[in-house]
Amino acid sequence: MRESPQWLDEEAGPVVRPYALIRGRTRSSGDMFDLIATVTVVGAPPAGPSGDLGPEQQRIMRMARSPISVADVASELDLPIGVVRVLLGDLRDNGLISVTSPSAERPRPSAGILKEVINGLRAL
């Protein structure tokens, strides 16, 4: 009887390293995603039981049915943020998710207001 390969070594951790999930890539169009950027599903996943999506991307699609931050996605998947950014970049490039930066949602305060706040804090 042949044993199935062992994918977890108790001392070393997972045998398949996170970069294997993204085929060794270290960069994608998702490199600049803020940790607090919001991920939301905008497209339907490919037809079929799994389509072209890997298990991690399928989980992202389920999690992002309601808005979730990039940091929370990385935490839920228990993967390094660099790996998650590549996965998110691939999903966004395929039109399946939207990633919105908080700074894009509302305008930044003017320099004058910031100076007034600093002066007010100094006066305390």
PDB file of N, CA and C in Angstrom:
ATOM      1  N   MET A   1       0.833  -1.180   0.000  1.00  0.00           N
ATOM      2  CA  MET A   1       0.000   0.000   0.000  1.00  0.00           C
ATOM      3  C   MET A   1       0.877   1.243   0.000  1.00  0.00           C
ATOM      4  N   ARG A   2       0.608   2.140  -0.916  1.00  0.00           N
ATOM      5  CA  ARG A   2       1.412   3.346  -1.072  1.00  0.00           C
ATOM      6  C   ARG A   2       0.824   4.476  -0.234  1.00  0.00           C
ATOM      7  N   GLU A   3       1.680   5.143   0.524  1.00  0.00           N
ATOM      8  CA  GLU A   3       1.213   6.252   1.347  1.00  0.00           C
ATOM      9  C   GLU A   3       1.115   7.520   0.515  1.00  0.00           C
ATOM     10  N   SER A   4       0.140   8.366   0.853  1.00  0.00           N
ATOM     11  CA  SER A   4       0.030   9.652   0.167  1.00  0.00           C
ATOM     12  C   SER A   4       1.135  10.571   0.668  1.00  0.00           C
ATOM     13  N   PRO A   5       1.561  11.526  -0.170  1.00  0.00           N
ATOM     14  CA  PRO A   5       2.650  12.411   0.253  1.00  0.00           C
ATOM     15  C   PRO A   5       2.231  13.248   1.462  1.00  0.00           C
ATOM     16  N   GLN A   6       3.197  13.501   2.302  1.00  0.00           N
ATOM     17  CA  GLN A   6       2.931  14.297   3.495  1.00  0.00           C
ATOM     18  C   GLN A   6       3.138  15.774   3.144  1.00  0.00           C
ATOM     19  N   TRP A   7       2.091  16.587   3.295  1.00  0.00           N
ATOM     20  CA  TRP A   7       2.162  18.002   2.922  1.00  0.00           C
ATOM     21  C   TRP A   7       2.434  18.907   4.114  1.00  0.00           C
ATOM     22  N   LEU A   8       2.584  18.324   5.294  1.00  0.00           N
ATOM     23  CA  LEU A   8       2.844  19.139   6.467  1.00  0.00           C
ATOM     24  C   LEU A   8       3.899  18.463   7.319  1.00  0.00           C
ATOM     25  N   ASP A   9       4.955  19.167   7.563  1.00  0.00           N
ATOM     26  CA  ASP A   9       6.015  18.699   8.440  1.00  0.00           C
ATOM     27  C   ASP A   9       5.874  19.485   9.730  1.00  0.00           C
ATOM     28  N   GLU A  10       5.609  18.810  10.833  1.00  0.00           N
ATOM     29  CA  GLU A  10       5.312  19.478  12.105  1.00  0.00           C
ATOM     30  C   GLU A  10       6.403  20.463  12.496  1.00  0.00           C
ATOM     31  N   GLU A  11       7.669  20.142  12.231  1.00  0.00           N
ATOM     32  CA  GLU A  11       8.753  21.024  12.639  1.00  0.00           C
ATOM     33  C   GLU A  11       8.984  22.154  11.644  1.00  0.00           C
ATOM     34  N   ALA A  12       8.900  21.865  10.371  1.00  0.00           N
ATOM     35  CA  ALA A  12       9.231  22.861   9.353  1.00  0.00           C
ATOM     36  C   ALA A  12       8.023  23.656   8.875  1.00  0.00           C
ATOM     37  N   GLY A  13       6.829  23.151   9.075  1.00  0.00           N
ATOM     38  CA  GLY A  13       5.640  23.832   8.577  1.00  0.00           C
ATOM     39  C   GLY A  13       5.239  23.266   7.238  1.00  0.00           C
ATOM     40  N   PRO A  14       4.446  24.000   6.502  1.00  0.00           N
ATOM     41  CA  PRO A  14       3.972  23.487   5.202  1.00  0.00           C
ATOM     42  C   PRO A  14       5.125  23.214   4.246  1.00  0.00           C
ATOM     43  N   VAL A  15       5.042  22.100   3.547  1.00  0.00           N
ATOM     44  CA  VAL A  15       6.063  21.741   2.572  1.00  0.00           C
ATOM     45  C   VAL A  15       5.919  22.604   1.321  1.00  0.00           C
ATOM     46  N   VAL A  16       4.702  22.900   0.915  1.00  0.00           N
ATOM     47  CA  VAL A  16       4.466  23.755  -0.241  1.00  0.00           C
ATOM     48  C   VAL A  16       4.496  25.202   0.247  1.00  0.00           C
ATOM     49  N   ARG A  17       5.500  25.933  -0.157  1.00  0.00           N
ATOM     50  CA  ARG A  17       5.685  27.296   0.305  1.00  0.00           C
ATOM     51  C   ARG A  17       4.682  28.242  -0.368  1.00  0.00           C
ATOM     52  N   PRO A  18       4.375  29.349   0.280  1.00  0.00           N
ATOM     53  CA  PRO A  18       3.371  30.267  -0.273  1.00  0.00           C
ATOM     54  C   PRO A  18       3.668  30.740  -1.696  1.00  0.00           C
ATOM     55  N   TYR A  19       4.936  30.944  -2.047  1.00  0.00           N
ATOM     56  CA  TYR A  19       5.218  31.431  -3.393  1.00  0.00           C
ATOM     57  C   TYR A  19       4.841  30.416  -4.463  1.00  0.00           C
ATOM     58  N   ALA A  20       4.699  29.154  -4.091  1.00  0.00           N
ATOM     59  CA  ALA A  20       4.272  28.143  -5.059  1.00  0.00           C
ATOM     60  C   ALA A  20       2.823  28.393  -5.467  1.00  0.00           C
ATOM     61  N   LEU A  21       2.034  28.994  -4.597  1.00  0.00           N
ATOM     62  CA  LEU A  21       0.641  29.311  -4.920  1.00  0.00           C
ATOM     63  C   LEU A  21       0.543  30.328  -6.053  1.00  0.00           C
ATOM     64  N   ILE A  22       1.549  31.178  -6.149  1.00  0.00           N
ATOM     65  CA  ILE A  22       1.523  32.240  -7.161  1.00  0.00           C
ATOM     66  C   ILE A  22       2.573  31.992  -8.243  1.00  0.00           C
ATOM     67  N   ARG A  23       2.969  30.721  -8.363  1.00  0.00           N
ATOM     68  CA  ARG A  23       3.896  30.261  -9.400  1.00  0.00           C
ATOM     69  C   ARG A  23       5.217  31.015  -9.395  1.00  0.00           C
ATOM     70  N   GLY A  24       5.702  31.334  -8.192  1.00  0.00           N
ATOM     71  CA  GLY A  24       6.995  31.976  -8.062  1.00  0.00           C
ATOM     72  C   GLY A  24       7.027  33.462  -8.333  1.00  0.00           C
ATOM     73  N   ARG A  25       5.905  34.044  -8.700  1.00  0.00           N
ATOM     74  CA  ARG A  25       5.877  35.485  -8.983  1.00  0.00           C
ATOM     75  C   ARG A  25       5.980  36.265  -7.675  1.00  0.00           C
ATOM     76  N   THR A  26       6.645  37.371  -7.744  1.00  0.00           N
ATOM     77  CA  THR A  26       6.733  38.230  -6.563  1.00  0.00           C
ATOM     78  C   THR A  26       6.042  39.559  -6.788  1.00  0.00           C
ATOM     79  N   ARG A  27       5.638  39.812  -8.006  1.00  0.00           N
ATOM     80  CA  ARG A  27       4.967  41.073  -8.333  1.00  0.00           C
ATOM     81  C   ARG A  27       3.762  40.808  -9.223  1.00  0.00           C
ATOM     82  N   SER A  28       2.785  41.684  -9.080  1.00  0.00           N
ATOM     83  CA  SER A  28       1.616  41.652  -9.957  1.00  0.00           C
ATOM     84  C   SER A  28       1.056  43.044 -10.008  1.00  0.00           C
ATOM     85  N   SER A  29      -0.086  43.191 -10.621  1.00  0.00           N
ATOM     86  CA  SER A  29      -0.716  44.508 -10.660  1.00  0.00           C
ATOM     87  C   SER A  29      -1.237  44.899  -9.287  1.00  0.00           C
ATOM     88  N   GLY A  30      -1.207  43.986  -8.315  1.00  0.00           N
ATOM     89  CA  GLY A  30      -1.712  44.265  -6.980  1.00  0.00           C
ATOM     90  C   GLY A  30      -0.653  44.699  -5.989  1.00  0.00           C
ATOM     91  N   ASP A  31       0.559  45.004  -6.472  1.00  0.00           N
ATOM     92  CA  ASP A  31       1.647  45.346  -5.566  1.00  0.00           C
ATOM     93  C   ASP A  31       1.364  46.564  -4.701  1.00  0.00           C
ATOM     94  N   MET A  32       0.565  47.470  -5.185  1.00  0.00           N
ATOM     95  CA  MET A  32       0.371  48.722  -4.469  1.00  0.00           C
ATOM     96  C   MET A  32      -0.894  48.743  -3.607  1.00  0.00           C
ATOM     97  N   PHE A  33      -1.529  47.613  -3.387  1.00  0.00           N
ATOM     98  CA  PHE A  33      -2.734  47.588  -2.551  1.00  0.00           C
ATOM     99  C   PHE A  33      -2.371  47.958  -1.114  1.00  0.00           C
ATOM    100  N   ASP A  34      -3.087  48.948  -0.558  1.00  0.00           N
ATOM    101  CA  ASP A  34      -2.929  49.290   0.857  1.00  0.00           C
ATOM    102  C   ASP A  34      -3.459  48.138   1.699  1.00  0.00           C
ATOM    103  N   LEU A  35      -2.935  48.014   2.913  1.00  0.00           N
ATOM    104  CA  LEU A  35      -3.436  46.981   3.812  1.00  0.00           C
ATOM    105  C   LEU A  35      -4.888  47.233   4.195  1.00  0.00           C
ATOM    106  N   ILE A  36      -5.296  48.499   4.192  1.00  0.00           N
ATOM    107  CA  ILE A  36      -6.664  48.819   4.595  1.00  0.00           C
ATOM    108  C   ILE A  36      -7.591  49.017   3.406  1.00  0.00           C
ATOM    109  N   ALA A  37      -7.096  48.749   2.199  1.00  0.00           N
ATOM    110  CA  ALA A  37      -7.949  48.832   1.016  1.00  0.00           C
ATOM    111  C   ALA A  37      -9.061  47.794   1.119  1.00  0.00           C
ATOM    112  N   THR A  38     -10.210  48.106   0.537  1.00  0.00           N
ATOM    113  CA  THR A  38     -11.383  47.243   0.628  1.00  0.00           C
ATOM    114  C   THR A  38     -11.525  46.388  -0.622  1.00  0.00           C
ATOM    115  N   VAL A  39     -11.704  45.090  -0.419  1.00  0.00           N
ATOM    116  CA  VAL A  39     -11.873  44.124  -1.509  1.00  0.00           C
ATOM    117  C   VAL A  39     -13.351  43.735  -1.574  1.00  0.00           C
ATOM    118  N   THR A  40     -13.932  43.807  -2.777  1.00  0.00           N
ATOM    119  CA  THR A  40     -15.336  43.455  -2.979  1.00  0.00           C
ATOM    120  C   THR A  40     -15.482  42.698  -4.293  1.00  0.00           C
ATOM    121  N   VAL A  41     -16.309  41.669  -4.299  1.00  0.00           N
ATOM    122  CA  VAL A  41     -16.586  40.914  -5.523  1.00  0.00           C
ATOM    123  C   VAL A  41     -17.428  41.775  -6.458  1.00  0.00           C
ATOM    124  N   VAL A  42     -17.026  41.825  -7.742  1.00  0.00           N
ATOM    125  CA  VAL A  42     -17.798  42.569  -8.740  1.00  0.00           C
ATOM    126  C   VAL A  42     -18.176  41.712  -9.941  1.00  0.00           C
ATOM    127  N   GLY A  43     -17.527  40.565 -10.101  1.00  0.00           N
ATOM    128  CA  GLY A  43     -17.805  39.695 -11.236  1.00  0.00           C
ATOM    129  C   GLY A  43     -18.109  38.286 -10.786  1.00  0.00           C
ATOM    130  N   ALA A  44     -18.718  37.547 -11.681  1.00  0.00           N
ATOM    131  CA  ALA A  44     -19.033  36.144 -11.387  1.00  0.00           C
ATOM    132  C   ALA A  44     -17.805  35.293 -11.653  1.00  0.00           C
ATOM    133  N   PRO A  45     -17.517  34.329 -10.771  1.00  0.00           N
ATOM    134  CA  PRO A  45     -16.389  33.439 -11.020  1.00  0.00           C
ATOM    135  C   PRO A  45     -16.630  32.599 -12.269  1.00  0.00           C
ATOM    136  N   PRO A  46     -15.569  32.072 -12.864  1.00  0.00           N
ATOM    137  CA  PRO A  46     -15.728  31.243 -14.059  1.00  0.00           C
ATOM    138  C   PRO A  46     -16.658  30.063 -13.803  1.00  0.00           C
ATOM    139  N   ALA A  47     -17.341  29.633 -14.852  1.00  0.00           N
ATOM    140  CA  ALA A  47     -18.272  28.504 -14.738  1.00  0.00           C
ATOM    141  C   ALA A  47     -17.509  27.221 -14.434  1.00  0.00           C
ATOM    142  N   GLY A  48     -18.216  26.272 -13.861  1.00  0.00           N
ATOM    143  CA  GLY A  48     -17.606  24.991 -13.519  1.00  0.00           C
ATOM    144  C   GLY A  48     -17.352  24.893 -12.038  1.00  0.00           C
ATOM    145  N   PRO A  49     -16.982  23.709 -11.568  1.00  0.00           N
ATOM    146  CA  PRO A  49     -16.785  23.511 -10.132  1.00  0.00           C
ATOM    147  C   PRO A  49     -15.715  24.437  -9.551  1.00  0.00           C
ATOM    148  N   SER A  50     -14.607  24.633 -10.259  1.00  0.00           N
ATOM    149  CA  SER A  50     -13.571  25.511  -9.729  1.00  0.00           C
ATOM    150  C   SER A  50     -13.079  26.509 -10.760  1.00  0.00           C
ATOM    151  N   GLY A  51     -13.487  26.350 -12.037  1.00  0.00           N
ATOM    152  CA  GLY A  51     -13.018  27.259 -13.077  1.00  0.00           C
ATOM    153  C   GLY A  51     -11.506  27.271 -13.114  1.00  0.00           C
ATOM    154  N   ASP A  52     -10.943  28.436 -13.327  1.00  0.00           N
ATOM    155  CA  ASP A  52      -9.488  28.577 -13.346  1.00  0.00           C
ATOM    156  C   ASP A  52      -8.952  29.075 -12.014  1.00  0.00           C
ATOM    157  N   LEU A  53      -9.810  29.201 -11.034  1.00  0.00           N
ATOM    158  CA  LEU A  53      -9.394  29.735  -9.742  1.00  0.00           C
ATOM    159  C   LEU A  53      -8.857  28.636  -8.835  1.00  0.00           C
ATOM    160  N   GLY A  54      -7.773  28.969  -8.129  1.00  0.00           N
ATOM    161  CA  GLY A  54      -7.235  28.055  -7.134  1.00  0.00           C
ATOM    162  C   GLY A  54      -8.068  28.127  -5.867  1.00  0.00           C
ATOM    163  N   PRO A  55      -7.811  27.235  -4.929  1.00  0.00           N
ATOM    164  CA  PRO A  55      -8.604  27.221  -3.698  1.00  0.00           C
ATOM    165  C   PRO A  55      -8.509  28.532  -2.906  1.00  0.00           C
ATOM    166  N   GLU A  56      -7.345  29.167  -2.902  1.00  0.00           N
ATOM    167  CA  GLU A  56      -7.197  30.414  -2.168  1.00  0.00           C
ATOM    168  C   GLU A  56      -8.016  31.519  -2.821  1.00  0.00           C
ATOM    169  N   GLN A  57      -8.003  31.570  -4.152  1.00  0.00           N
ATOM    170  CA  GLN A  57      -8.797  32.577  -4.852  1.00  0.00           C
ATOM    171  C   GLN A  57     -10.292  32.326  -4.674  1.00  0.00           C
ATOM    172  N   GLN A  58     -10.693  31.075  -4.628  1.00  0.00           N
ATOM    173  CA  GLN A  58     -12.100  30.767  -4.366  1.00  0.00           C
ATOM    174  C   GLN A  58     -12.502  31.264  -2.983  1.00  0.00           C
ATOM    175  N   ARG A  59     -11.614  31.080  -1.997  1.00  0.00           N
ATOM    176  CA  ARG A  59     -11.896  31.574  -0.641  1.00  0.00           C
ATOM    177  C   ARG A  59     -11.992  33.093  -0.631  1.00  0.00           C
ATOM    178  N   ILE A  60     -11.107  33.760  -1.371  1.00  0.00           N
ATOM    179  CA  ILE A  60     -11.160  35.226  -1.445  1.00  0.00           C
ATOM    180  C   ILE A  60     -12.498  35.663  -2.020  1.00  0.00           C
ATOM    181  N   MET A  61     -12.953  34.977  -3.061  1.00  0.00           N
ATOM    182  CA  MET A  61     -14.235  35.326  -3.683  1.00  0.00           C
ATOM    183  C   MET A  61     -15.384  35.161  -2.681  1.00  0.00           C
ATOM    184  N   ARG A  62     -15.333  34.128  -1.860  1.00  0.00           N
ATOM    185  CA  ARG A  62     -16.383  33.936  -0.849  1.00  0.00           C
ATOM    186  C   ARG A  62     -16.296  35.014   0.227  1.00  0.00           C
ATOM    187  N   MET A  63     -15.079  35.317   0.683  1.00  0.00           N
ATOM    188  CA  MET A  63     -14.902  36.322   1.738  1.00  0.00           C
ATOM    189  C   MET A  63     -15.315  37.712   1.274  1.00  0.00           C
ATOM    190  N   ALA A  64     -15.053  38.025   0.008  1.00  0.00           N
ATOM    191  CA  ALA A  64     -15.268  39.379  -0.503  1.00  0.00           C
ATOM    192  C   ALA A  64     -16.696  39.616  -0.992  1.00  0.00           C
ATOM    193  N   ARG A  65     -17.600  38.694  -0.707  1.00  0.00           N
ATOM    194  CA  ARG A  65     -19.013  38.958  -1.034  1.00  0.00           C
ATOM    195  C   ARG A  65     -19.498  40.190  -0.293  1.00  0.00           C
ATOM    196  N   SER A  66     -18.965  40.381   0.910  1.00  0.00           N
ATOM    197  CA  SER A  66     -19.157  41.646   1.618  1.00  0.00           C
ATOM    198  C   SER A  66     -17.762  42.259   1.754  1.00  0.00           C
ATOM    199  N   PRO A  67     -17.663  43.579   1.743  1.00  0.00           N
ATOM    200  CA  PRO A  67     -16.340  44.222   1.742  1.00  0.00           C
ATOM    201  C   PRO A  67     -15.442  43.735   2.882  1.00  0.00           C
ATOM    202  N   ILE A  68     -14.173  43.505   2.549  1.00  0.00           N
ATOM    203  CA  ILE A  68     -13.181  43.028   3.512  1.00  0.00           C
ATOM    204  C   ILE A  68     -11.846  43.690   3.172  1.00  0.00           C
ATOM    205  N   SER A  69     -11.057  44.004   4.177  1.00  0.00           N
ATOM    206  CA  SER A  69      -9.771  44.659   3.937  1.00  0.00           C
ATOM    207  C   SER A  69      -8.730  43.653   3.438  1.00  0.00           C
ATOM    208  N   VAL A  70      -7.718  44.169   2.756  1.00  0.00           N
ATOM    209  CA  VAL A  70      -6.620  43.341   2.265  1.00  0.00           C
ATOM    210  C   VAL A  70      -5.933  42.632   3.442  1.00  0.00           C
ATOM    211  N   ALA A  71      -5.740  43.348   4.542  1.00  0.00           N
ATOM    212  CA  ALA A  71      -5.111  42.755   5.729  1.00  0.00           C
ATOM    213  C   ALA A  71      -5.950  41.610   6.289  1.00  0.00           C
ATOM    214  N   ASP A  72      -7.274  41.778   6.297  1.00  0.00           N
ATOM    215  CA  ASP A  72      -8.141  40.712   6.803  1.00  0.00           C
ATOM    216  C   ASP A  72      -8.115  39.488   5.893  1.00  0.00           C
ATOM    217  N   VAL A  73      -8.023  39.714   4.588  1.00  0.00           N
ATOM    218  CA  VAL A  73      -7.917  38.587   3.651  1.00  0.00           C
ATOM    219  C   VAL A  73      -6.646  37.802   3.947  1.00  0.00           C
ATOM    220  N   ALA A  74      -5.525  38.511   4.122  1.00  0.00           N
ATOM    221  CA  ALA A  74      -4.252  37.840   4.412  1.00  0.00           C
ATOM    222  C   ALA A  74      -4.337  37.070   5.726  1.00  0.00           C
ATOM    223  N   SER A  75      -4.989  37.668   6.710  1.00  0.00           N
ATOM    224  CA  SER A  75      -5.129  37.012   8.013  1.00  0.00           C
ATOM    225  C   SER A  75      -5.993  35.757   7.910  1.00  0.00           C
ATOM    226  N   GLU A  76      -7.113  35.863   7.217  1.00  0.00           N
ATOM    227  CA  GLU A  76      -8.024  34.721   7.068  1.00  0.00           C
ATOM    228  C   GLU A  76      -7.366  33.572   6.302  1.00  0.00           C
ATOM    229  N   LEU A  77      -6.573  33.916   5.283  1.00  0.00           N
ATOM    230  CA  LEU A  77      -5.903  32.881   4.490  1.00  0.00           C
ATOM    231  C   LEU A  77      -4.630  32.377   5.157  1.00  0.00           C
ATOM    232  N   ASP A  78      -4.146  33.110   6.163  1.00  0.00           N
ATOM    233  CA  ASP A  78      -2.902  32.780   6.841  1.00  0.00           C
ATOM    234  C   ASP A  78      -1.743  32.705   5.840  1.00  0.00           C
ATOM    235  N   LEU A  79      -1.677  33.747   4.983  1.00  0.00           N
ATOM    236  CA  LEU A  79      -0.634  33.847   3.967  1.00  0.00           C
ATOM    237  C   LEU A  79       0.068  35.192   4.093  1.00  0.00           C
ATOM    238  N   PRO A  80       1.321  35.268   3.649  1.00  0.00           N
ATOM    239  CA  PRO A  80       2.020  36.556   3.651  1.00  0.00           C
ATOM    240  C   PRO A  80       1.308  37.570   2.762  1.00  0.00           C
ATOM    241  N   ILE A  81       1.396  38.836   3.138  1.00  0.00           N
ATOM    242  CA  ILE A  81       0.696  39.890   2.407  1.00  0.00           C
ATOM    243  C   ILE A  81       1.150  39.967   0.952  1.00  0.00           C
ATOM    244  N   GLY A  82       2.424  39.689   0.676  1.00  0.00           N
ATOM    245  CA  GLY A  82       2.914  39.719  -0.704  1.00  0.00           C
ATOM    246  C   GLY A  82       2.218  38.695  -1.579  1.00  0.00           C
ATOM    247  N   VAL A  83       1.989  37.515  -1.044  1.00  0.00           N
ATOM    248  CA  VAL A  83       1.295  36.455  -1.779  1.00  0.00           C
ATOM    249  C   VAL A  83      -0.160  36.869  -2.010  1.00  0.00           C
ATOM    250  N   VAL A  84      -0.794  37.419  -0.986  1.00  0.00           N
ATOM    251  CA  VAL A  84      -2.194  37.838  -1.098  1.00  0.00           C
ATOM    252  C   VAL A  84      -2.335  38.951  -2.124  1.00  0.00           C
ATOM    253  N   ARG A  85      -1.388  39.875  -2.163  1.00  0.00           N
ATOM    254  CA  ARG A  85      -1.453  40.969  -3.152  1.00  0.00           C
ATOM    255  C   ARG A  85      -1.394  40.422  -4.580  1.00  0.00           C
ATOM    256  N   VAL A  86      -0.570  39.409  -4.812  1.00  0.00           N
ATOM    257  CA  VAL A  86      -0.488  38.804  -6.151  1.00  0.00           C
ATOM    258  C   VAL A  86      -1.818  38.126  -6.491  1.00  0.00           C
ATOM    259  N   LEU A  87      -2.375  37.370  -5.542  1.00  0.00           N
ATOM    260  CA  LEU A  87      -3.664  36.701  -5.782  1.00  0.00           C
ATOM    261  C   LEU A  87      -4.763  37.721  -6.062  1.00  0.00           C
ATOM    262  N   LEU A  88      -4.795  38.799  -5.278  1.00  0.00           N
ATOM    263  CA  LEU A  88      -5.798  39.844  -5.485  1.00  0.00           C
ATOM    264  C   LEU A  88      -5.602  40.550  -6.823  1.00  0.00           C
ATOM    265  N   GLY A  89      -4.346  40.791  -7.187  1.00  0.00           N
ATOM    266  CA  GLY A  89      -4.060  41.421  -8.477  1.00  0.00           C
ATOM    267  C   GLY A  89      -4.571  40.583  -9.638  1.00  0.00           C
ATOM    268  N   ASP A  90      -4.390  39.275  -9.540  1.00  0.00           N
ATOM    269  CA  ASP A  90      -4.884  38.375 -10.586  1.00  0.00           C
ATOM    270  C   ASP A  90      -6.412  38.424 -10.673  1.00  0.00           C
ATOM    271  N   LEU A  91      -7.070  38.397  -9.514  1.00  0.00           N
ATOM    272  CA  LEU A  91      -8.540  38.456  -9.505  1.00  0.00           C
ATOM    273  C   LEU A  91      -9.045  39.774 -10.066  1.00  0.00           C
ATOM    274  N   ARG A  92      -8.370  40.870  -9.710  1.00  0.00           N
ATOM    275  CA  ARG A  92      -8.783  42.183 -10.224  1.00  0.00           C
ATOM    276  C   ARG A  92      -8.548  42.267 -11.732  1.00  0.00           C
ATOM    277  N   ASP A  93      -7.421  41.758 -12.192  1.00  0.00           N
ATOM    278  CA  ASP A  93      -7.121  41.782 -13.627  1.00  0.00           C
ATOM    279  C   ASP A  93      -8.153  40.996 -14.431  1.00  0.00           C
ATOM    280  N   ASN A  94      -8.747  39.981 -13.816  1.00  0.00           N
ATOM    281  CA  ASN A  94      -9.776  39.176 -14.481  1.00  0.00           C
ATOM    282  C   ASN A  94     -11.180  39.749 -14.292  1.00  0.00           C
ATOM    283  N   GLY A  95     -11.287  40.916 -13.663  1.00  0.00           N
ATOM    284  CA  GLY A  95     -12.573  41.582 -13.494  1.00  0.00           C
ATOM    285  C   GLY A  95     -13.478  40.942 -12.459  1.00  0.00           C
ATOM    286  N   LEU A  96     -12.913  40.197 -11.520  1.00  0.00           N
ATOM    287  CA  LEU A  96     -13.723  39.488 -10.537  1.00  0.00           C
ATOM    288  C   LEU A  96     -13.889  40.253  -9.231  1.00  0.00           C
ATOM    289  N   ILE A  97     -12.912  41.111  -8.906  1.00  0.00           N
ATOM    290  CA  ILE A  97     -12.999  41.886  -7.666  1.00  0.00           C
ATOM    291  C   ILE A  97     -12.670  43.349  -7.934  1.00  0.00           C
ATOM    292  N   SER A  98     -13.056  44.172  -6.987  1.00  0.00           N
ATOM    293  CA  SER A  98     -12.689  45.583  -6.972  1.00  0.00           C
ATOM    294  C   SER A  98     -11.894  45.821  -5.701  1.00  0.00           C
ATOM    295  N   VAL A  99     -10.807  46.572  -5.794  1.00  0.00           N
ATOM    296  CA  VAL A  99     -10.013  46.926  -4.614  1.00  0.00           C
ATOM    297  C   VAL A  99      -9.999  48.447  -4.540  1.00  0.00           C
ATOM    298  N   THR A 100     -10.619  48.973  -3.481  1.00  0.00           N
ATOM    299  CA  THR A 100     -10.768  50.419  -3.344  1.00  0.00           C
ATOM    300  C   THR A 100      -9.937  50.920  -2.176  1.00  0.00           C
ATOM    301  N   SER A 101      -9.071  51.860  -2.467  1.00  0.00           N
ATOM    302  CA  SER A 101      -8.255  52.467  -1.426  1.00  0.00           C
ATOM    303  C   SER A 101      -9.093  53.467  -0.644  1.00  0.00           C
ATOM    304  N   PRO A 102      -8.917  53.537   0.668  1.00  0.00           N
ATOM    305  CA  PRO A 102      -9.702  54.491   1.453  1.00  0.00           C
ATOM    306  C   PRO A 102      -9.488  55.928   0.998  1.00  0.00           C
ATOM    307  N   SER A 103      -8.289  56.252   0.514  1.00  0.00           N
ATOM    308  CA  SER A 103      -8.025  57.616   0.073  1.00  0.00           C
ATOM    309  C   SER A 103      -8.802  57.947  -1.200  1.00  0.00           C
ATOM    310  N   ALA A 104      -9.177  56.929  -1.967  1.00  0.00           N
ATOM    311  CA  ALA A 104      -9.945  57.161  -3.189  1.00  0.00           C
ATOM    312  C   ALA A 104     -11.414  57.416  -2.882  1.00  0.00           C
ATOM    313  N   GLU A 105     -11.871  57.001  -1.699  1.00  0.00           N
ATOM    314  CA  GLU A 105     -13.279  57.129  -1.360  1.00  0.00           C
ATOM    315  C   GLU A 105     -13.656  58.528  -0.900  1.00  0.00           C
ATOM    316  N   ARG A 106     -12.734  59.252  -0.294  1.00  0.00           N
ATOM    317  CA  ARG A 106     -13.049  60.594   0.180  1.00  0.00           C
ATOM    318  C   ARG A 106     -11.855  61.501  -0.036  1.00  0.00           C
ATOM    319  N   PRO A 107     -12.102  62.782  -0.201  1.00  0.00           N
ATOM    320  CA  PRO A 107     -10.999  63.712  -0.450  1.00  0.00           C
ATOM    321  C   PRO A 107     -10.130  63.901   0.797  1.00  0.00           C
ATOM    322  N   ARG A 108      -8.894  64.204   0.568  1.00  0.00           N
ATOM    323  CA  ARG A 108      -7.970  64.457   1.670  1.00  0.00           C
ATOM    324  C   ARG A 108      -8.181  65.876   2.192  1.00  0.00           C
ATOM    325  N   PRO A 109      -7.911  66.076   3.480  1.00  0.00           N
ATOM    326  CA  PRO A 109      -8.061  67.426   4.034  1.00  0.00           C
ATOM    327  C   PRO A 109      -7.022  68.367   3.433  1.00  0.00           C
ATOM    328  N   SER A 110      -7.370  69.631   3.371  1.00  0.00           N
ATOM    329  CA  SER A 110      -6.446  70.606   2.793  1.00  0.00           C
ATOM    330  C   SER A 110      -5.276  70.849   3.736  1.00  0.00           C
ATOM    331  N   ALA A 111      -4.205  71.382   3.188  1.00  0.00           N
ATOM    332  CA  ALA A 111      -3.012  71.674   3.993  1.00  0.00           C
ATOM    333  C   ALA A 111      -3.331  72.706   5.069  1.00  0.00           C
ATOM    334  N   GLY A 112      -4.212  73.651   4.762  1.00  0.00           N
ATOM    335  CA  GLY A 112      -4.584  74.683   5.732  1.00  0.00           C
ATOM    336  C   GLY A 112      -5.246  74.091   6.962  1.00  0.00           C
ATOM    337  N   ILE A 113      -6.143  73.139   6.759  1.00  0.00           N
ATOM    338  CA  ILE A 113      -6.825  72.500   7.891  1.00  0.00           C
ATOM    339  C   ILE A 113      -5.822  71.724   8.739  1.00  0.00           C
ATOM    340  N   LEU A 114      -4.917  71.020   8.093  1.00  0.00           N
ATOM    341  CA  LEU A 114      -3.910  70.268   8.832  1.00  0.00           C
ATOM    342  C   LEU A 114      -3.010  71.186   9.656  1.00  0.00           C
ATOM    343  N   LYS A 115      -2.639  72.341   9.099  1.00  0.00           N
ATOM    344  CA  LYS A 115      -1.817  73.299   9.840  1.00  0.00           C
ATOM    345  C   LYS A 115      -2.575  73.828  11.053  1.00  0.00           C
ATOM    346  N   GLU A 116      -3.877  74.091  10.880  1.00  0.00           N
ATOM    347  CA  GLU A 116      -4.687  74.565  12.006  1.00  0.00           C
ATOM    348  C   GLU A 116      -4.765  73.510  13.109  1.00  0.00           C
ATOM    349  N   VAL A 117      -4.890  72.257  12.737  1.00  0.00           N
ATOM    350  CA  VAL A 117      -4.933  71.176  13.738  1.00  0.00           C
ATOM    351  C   VAL A 117      -3.598  71.102  14.481  1.00  0.00           C
ATOM    352  N   ILE A 118      -2.502  71.179  13.758  1.00  0.00           N
ATOM    353  CA  ILE A 118      -1.178  71.126  14.393  1.00  0.00           C
ATOM    354  C   ILE A 118      -1.010  72.302  15.340  1.00  0.00           C
ATOM    355  N   ASN A 119      -1.391  73.505  14.895  1.00  0.00           N
ATOM    356  CA  ASN A 119      -1.280  74.680  15.755  1.00  0.00           C
ATOM    357  C   ASN A 119      -2.162  74.541  17.000  1.00  0.00           C
ATOM    358  N   GLY A 120      -3.341  73.978  16.831  1.00  0.00           N
ATOM    359  CA  GLY A 120      -4.234  73.754  17.970  1.00  0.00           C
ATOM    360  C   GLY A 120      -3.649  72.769  18.963  1.00  0.00           C
ATOM    361  N   LEU A 121      -3.016  71.717  18.451  1.00  0.00           N
ATOM    362  CA  LEU A 121      -2.383  70.727  19.328  1.00  0.00           C
ATOM    363  C   LEU A 121      -1.191  71.339  20.070  1.00  0.00           C
ATOM    364  N   ARG A 122      -0.432  72.176  19.378  1.00  0.00           N
ATOM    365  CA  ARG A 122       0.712  72.828  20.031  1.00  0.00           C
ATOM    366  C   ARG A 122       0.246  73.767  21.143  1.00  0.00           C
ATOM    367  N   ALA A 123      -0.913  74.383  20.953  1.00  0.00           N
ATOM    368  CA  ALA A 123      -1.434  75.324  21.937  1.00  0.00           C
ATOM    369  C   ALA A 123      -1.861  74.614  23.222  1.00  0.00           C
ATOM    370  N   LEU A 124      -2.131  73.307  23.127  1.00  0.00           N
ATOM    371  CA  LEU A 124      -2.519  72.578  24.338  1.00  0.00           C
ATOM    372  C   LEU A 124      -1.334  72.430  25.203  1.00  0.00           C
TER     373      LEU A 124
END
